[in-house]
């Protein structure tokens, strides 16, 4: 009987739609690791593609039902048409929901990758600060050399806040959705702790270098005064020597 055959096709297709909804849309997903998140993205992509491939079968069933209705008595129309309408509606909803969920997870995955890239960039900058702080531990030389080290450190510290703001926003977006929250909180705690520690150390080093510059300037000034004084004495002694003046005849300071 054609009606039985059509109802069987409708039932099988409707059963497939129901199973797909239960498998991909109604079960709870937990994303505690990047691998779980990536696997879910790939799984939903396959489900979306599989659902789209069923479009040919749905169209064949639709054509078969419509052809049967066109030839069958009116009494057989209503039940089959209603079953077909339910199938088409539920199938289209399934495709739409699968596509929407897949796109959402794709965006979440992209958000996670973006967060990692910003963290990587900021950690590279923190590595530079560590190297710079180590290089300025014991700066040798006068005020000019120390001043150059201070300028170099200050230039490095003039780092825009944009990346750090992005890290906060991306992390908030993900953790608000309960996605990778433990891992993200751990990474942020480690990053923020390191950031604060190096910022404080950099401020201390700047003050230390400023004090070293001041001390070096005072030392340079003292040395300059001594050199000027020695030059004046040297000139005076040279004049005494030229005049063949005996040391005992000189003032006490010149002696």
Protein backbone atom coordinates (compact mmCIF):
# COMPACT_ATOMS: atom_id res chain seq x y z
CA UNK A 1 0.00 0.00 0.00
CA UNK A 2 1.43 3.39 -1.04
CA UNK A 3 0.11 5.16 2.06
CA UNK A 4 1.88 2.74 4.37
CA UNK A 5 5.13 3.14 2.44
CA UNK A 6 4.93 6.95 2.59
CA UNK A 7 4.11 6.91 6.29
CA UNK A 8 7.09 4.64 6.88
CA UNK A 9 9.41 7.08 5.05
CA UNK A 10 7.96 10.02 6.99
CA UNK A 11 8.34 8.17 10.30
CA UNK A 12 11.96 7.16 9.61
CA UNK A 13 12.92 10.68 8.65
CA UNK A 14 11.13 12.17 11.61
CA UNK A 15 12.91 9.68 13.89
CA UNK A 16 16.27 10.74 12.45
CA UNK A 17 15.46 14.42 13.11
CA UNK A 18 14.46 13.62 16.71
CA UNK A 19 17.68 11.67 17.33
CA UNK A 20 19.79 14.49 15.88
CA UNK A 21 18.04 17.00 18.16
CA UNK A 22 18.67 14.84 21.21
CA UNK A 23 22.29 14.18 20.26
CA UNK A 24 23.43 17.66 19.31
CA UNK A 25 20.93 20.19 20.65
CA UNK A 26 19.42 18.84 23.86
CA UNK A 27 22.37 17.22 25.61
CA UNK A 28 24.54 19.38 27.80
CA UNK A 29 28.02 20.15 26.55
CA UNK A 30 30.84 20.93 28.94
CA UNK A 31 33.97 22.61 27.68
CA UNK A 32 36.66 22.41 30.34
CA UNK A 33 39.62 21.93 28.00
CA UNK A 34 40.51 23.36 24.57
CA UNK A 35 40.43 19.82 23.15
CA UNK A 36 36.82 19.36 24.28
CA UNK A 37 35.84 22.68 22.75
CA UNK A 38 37.60 21.95 19.45
CA UNK A 39 36.05 18.48 19.31
CA UNK A 40 32.57 19.96 19.85
CA UNK A 41 33.11 22.46 17.00
CA UNK A 42 34.16 19.67 14.63
CA UNK A 43 31.30 17.42 15.79
CA UNK A 44 28.67 20.11 15.20
CA UNK A 45 30.14 20.91 11.81
CA UNK A 46 29.78 17.26 10.77
CA UNK A 47 26.21 17.18 12.16
CA UNK A 48 25.31 20.34 10.25
CA UNK A 49 26.71 18.91 7.01
CA UNK A 50 24.95 15.59 7.57
CA UNK A 51 21.64 17.38 8.12
CA UNK A 52 22.08 19.34 4.90
CA UNK A 53 22.73 16.11 3.03
CA UNK A 54 19.33 14.84 4.22
CA UNK A 55 17.70 17.66 2.24
CA UNK A 56 17.63 15.43 -0.86
CA UNK A 57 15.74 12.72 1.05
CA UNK A 58 13.27 15.22 2.50
CA UNK A 59 12.64 16.57 -1.01
CA UNK A 60 12.05 13.06 -2.38
CA UNK A 61 9.57 12.32 0.43
CA UNK A 62 7.86 15.67 -0.19
CA UNK A 63 7.52 14.96 -3.93
CA UNK A 64 6.23 11.45 -3.29
CA UNK A 65 3.60 12.65 -0.82
CA UNK A 66 2.49 15.48 -3.08
CA UNK A 67 2.25 13.15 -6.10
CA UNK A 68 0.23 10.68 -4.05
CA UNK A 69 -2.08 13.42 -2.75
CA UNK A 70 -2.65 14.68 -6.30
CA UNK A 71 -3.98 11.26 -7.32
CA UNK A 72 -5.46 9.90 -4.07
CA UNK A 73 -8.97 10.48 -2.74
CA UNK A 74 -9.40 13.54 -0.48
CA UNK A 75 -9.86 11.36 2.59
CA UNK A 76 -6.21 10.31 2.43
CA UNK A 77 -4.91 13.86 2.06
CA UNK A 78 -5.20 15.45 5.46
CA UNK A 79 -3.23 13.02 7.66
CA UNK A 80 -0.35 12.64 5.20
CA UNK A 81 -0.18 16.39 4.53
CA UNK A 82 -0.08 17.08 8.26
CA UNK A 83 2.74 14.56 8.80
CA UNK A 84 4.67 16.03 5.89
CA UNK A 85 4.27 19.59 7.21
CA UNK A 86 5.49 18.50 10.67
CA UNK A 87 8.51 16.79 9.13
CA UNK A 88 9.45 19.76 6.95
CA UNK A 89 9.08 22.20 9.85
CA UNK A 90 11.10 20.09 12.29
CA UNK A 91 13.79 19.40 9.67
CA UNK A 92 14.20 23.08 8.81
CA UNK A 93 14.34 23.97 12.52
CA UNK A 94 16.97 21.30 13.06
CA UNK A 95 19.16 22.66 10.24
CA UNK A 96 18.76 26.22 11.50
CA UNK A 97 19.56 25.33 15.12
CA UNK A 98 22.54 23.14 14.19
CA UNK A 99 23.95 25.91 12.01
CA UNK A 100 23.38 28.50 14.74
CA UNK A 101 25.02 26.39 17.45
CA UNK A 102 27.96 25.56 15.18
CA UNK A 103 28.50 29.26 14.37
CA UNK A 104 28.33 30.13 18.07
CA UNK A 105 30.95 27.52 18.96
CA UNK A 106 33.10 28.66 16.03
CA UNK A 107 33.03 32.19 17.48
CA UNK A 108 33.84 30.82 20.95
CA UNK A 109 36.80 28.88 19.54
CA UNK A 110 38.01 32.00 17.69
CA UNK A 111 37.61 33.97 20.93
CA UNK A 112 39.78 31.43 22.77
CA UNK A 113 42.47 31.51 20.06
CA UNK A 114 42.42 35.33 20.13
CA UNK A 115 42.81 35.32 23.92
CA UNK A 116 45.85 33.05 23.60
CA UNK A 117 47.41 35.34 20.97
CA UNK A 118 47.01 38.41 23.20
CA UNK A 119 48.44 36.55 26.20
CA UNK A 120 51.39 35.42 24.08
CA UNK A 121 52.07 39.00 22.91
CA UNK A 122 51.90 40.40 26.45
CA UNK A 123 54.11 37.65 27.86
CA UNK A 124 56.71 38.40 25.20
CA UNK A 125 56.63 42.03 26.33
CA UNK A 126 57.03 40.93 29.96
CA UNK A 127 60.02 38.82 28.88
CA UNK A 128 61.59 41.98 27.42
CA UNK A 129 61.00 43.82 30.69
CA UNK A 130 62.67 40.98 32.61
CA UNK A 131 65.70 41.15 30.32
CA UNK A 132 65.84 44.94 30.63
CA UNK A 133 65.60 44.81 34.43
CA UNK A 134 68.40 42.28 34.55
CA UNK A 135 70.54 44.46 32.25
CA UNK A 136 70.05 47.50 34.50
CA UNK A 137 70.85 45.74 37.77
CA UNK A 138 74.41 47.12 37.95
CA UNK A 139 74.81 49.86 35.38
CA UNK A 140 78.40 51.07 35.18
CA UNK A 141 79.48 54.51 34.03
CA UNK A 142 78.60 58.09 34.66
CA UNK A 143 75.34 60.02 34.65
CA UNK A 144 75.01 59.87 30.85
CA UNK A 145 75.28 56.06 30.65
CA UNK A 146 72.85 55.57 33.53
CA UNK A 147 70.45 58.08 31.96
CA UNK A 148 70.48 56.09 28.72
CA UNK A 149 69.56 52.92 30.63
CA UNK A 150 66.73 54.76 32.39
CA UNK A 151 65.39 56.15 29.09
CA UNK A 152 65.50 52.68 27.56
CA UNK A 153 63.54 51.19 30.46
CA UNK A 154 60.97 54.00 30.43
CA UNK A 155 60.43 53.59 26.66
CA UNK A 156 59.75 49.90 27.19
CA UNK A 157 57.31 50.64 30.02
CA UNK A 158 55.30 53.01 27.81
CA UNK A 159 53.33 50.00 26.61
CA UNK A 160 49.69 50.52 25.52
CA UNK A 161 46.95 49.01 27.68
CA UNK A 162 45.00 47.81 24.62
CA UNK A 163 46.19 44.19 24.76
CA UNK A 164 45.54 43.86 28.47
CA UNK A 165 42.04 45.29 28.03
CA UNK A 166 41.38 42.80 25.25
CA UNK A 167 42.55 39.95 27.48
CA UNK A 168 40.13 41.02 30.21
CA UNK A 169 37.19 41.33 27.79
CA UNK A 170 37.81 38.05 25.98
CA UNK A 171 38.31 36.17 29.24
CA UNK A 172 35.11 37.66 30.66
CA UNK A 173 33.15 36.67 27.56
CA UNK A 174 34.30 33.06 27.77
CA UNK A 175 34.01 32.58 31.52
CA UNK A 176 30.54 34.17 31.59
CA UNK A 177 29.48 31.31 29.35
CA UNK A 178 31.17 28.77 31.63
CA UNK A 179 33.62 27.88 28.87
CA UNK A 180 37.19 26.92 29.85
CA UNK A 181 36.63 28.98 32.99
CA UNK A 182 39.06 27.10 35.25
CA UNK A 183 41.85 27.14 32.66
CA UNK A 184 41.28 30.81 31.80
CA UNK A 185 41.20 31.88 35.45
CA UNK A 186 44.45 30.01 36.04
CA UNK A 187 46.14 31.64 33.04
CA UNK A 188 44.87 35.11 34.00
CA UNK A 189 45.96 34.76 37.62
CA UNK A 190 49.44 33.76 36.50
CA UNK A 191 49.64 36.57 33.92
CA UNK A 192 48.30 39.29 36.23
CA UNK A 193 50.58 38.22 39.06
CA UNK A 194 53.62 38.37 36.78
CA UNK A 195 52.48 41.70 35.30
CA UNK A 196 52.05 43.32 38.75
CA UNK A 197 55.38 41.95 40.00
CA UNK A 198 57.35 43.24 37.01
CA UNK A 199 55.55 46.60 37.07
CA UNK A 200 56.50 47.09 40.72
CA UNK A 201 60.08 46.00 40.08
CA UNK A 202 60.30 48.38 37.11
CA UNK A 203 59.09 51.30 39.24
CA UNK A 204 61.68 50.46 41.90
CA UNK A 205 64.39 50.22 39.25
CA UNK A 206 63.41 53.58 37.75
CA UNK A 207 63.70 55.26 41.16
CA UNK A 208 67.02 53.52 41.76
CA UNK A 209 68.38 54.67 38.40
CA UNK A 210 67.17 58.23 39.04
CA UNK A 211 69.04 58.21 42.38
CA UNK A 212 72.12 56.78 40.67
CA UNK A 213 71.97 59.56 38.07
CA UNK A 214 71.76 62.18 40.82
CA UNK A 215 74.71 60.62 42.68
CA UNK A 216 76.72 60.38 39.45
CA UNK A 217 75.97 64.02 38.65
CA UNK A 218 77.13 65.09 42.13
CA UNK A 219 80.26 62.96 41.74
CA UNK A 220 80.90 64.44 38.29
CA UNK A 221 80.47 67.94 39.72
CA UNK A 222 82.87 67.20 42.58
CA UNK A 223 85.44 65.72 40.20
CA UNK A 224 85.12 68.72 37.91
CA UNK A 225 85.72 71.11 40.81
CA UNK A 226 88.73 69.05 41.92
CA UNK A 227 90.09 69.05 38.36
CA UNK A 228 89.61 72.80 38.09
CA UNK A 229 91.33 73.26 41.44
CA UNK A 230 94.21 70.99 40.44
CA UNK A 231 94.56 72.80 37.13
CA UNK A 232 94.79 76.14 38.96
CA UNK A 233 97.38 74.78 41.40
CA UNK A 234 99.31 73.18 38.53
CA UNK A 235 99.36 76.49 36.73
CA UNK A 236 100.53 78.28 39.88
CA UNK A 237 103.26 75.72 40.58
CA UNK A 238 104.42 75.87 36.99
CA UNK A 239 104.76 79.63 37.35
CA UNK A 240 106.72 79.21 40.60
CA UNK A 241 108.97 76.65 38.96
CA UNK A 242 109.62 78.93 36.02
CA UNK A 243 110.63 81.68 38.43
CA UNK A 244 112.92 79.19 40.27
CA UNK A 245 111.14 79.82 43.55
CA UNK A 246 112.23 77.41 46.32
CA UNK A 247 109.48 75.29 47.92
CA UNK A 248 110.13 76.68 51.38
CA UNK A 249 109.41 80.14 50.07
CA UNK A 250 105.92 79.11 48.89
CA UNK A 251 102.67 79.44 50.83
CA UNK A 252 101.81 76.35 52.87
CA UNK A 253 99.08 75.21 50.43
CA UNK A 254 101.40 75.37 47.43
CA UNK A 255 104.09 73.44 49.34
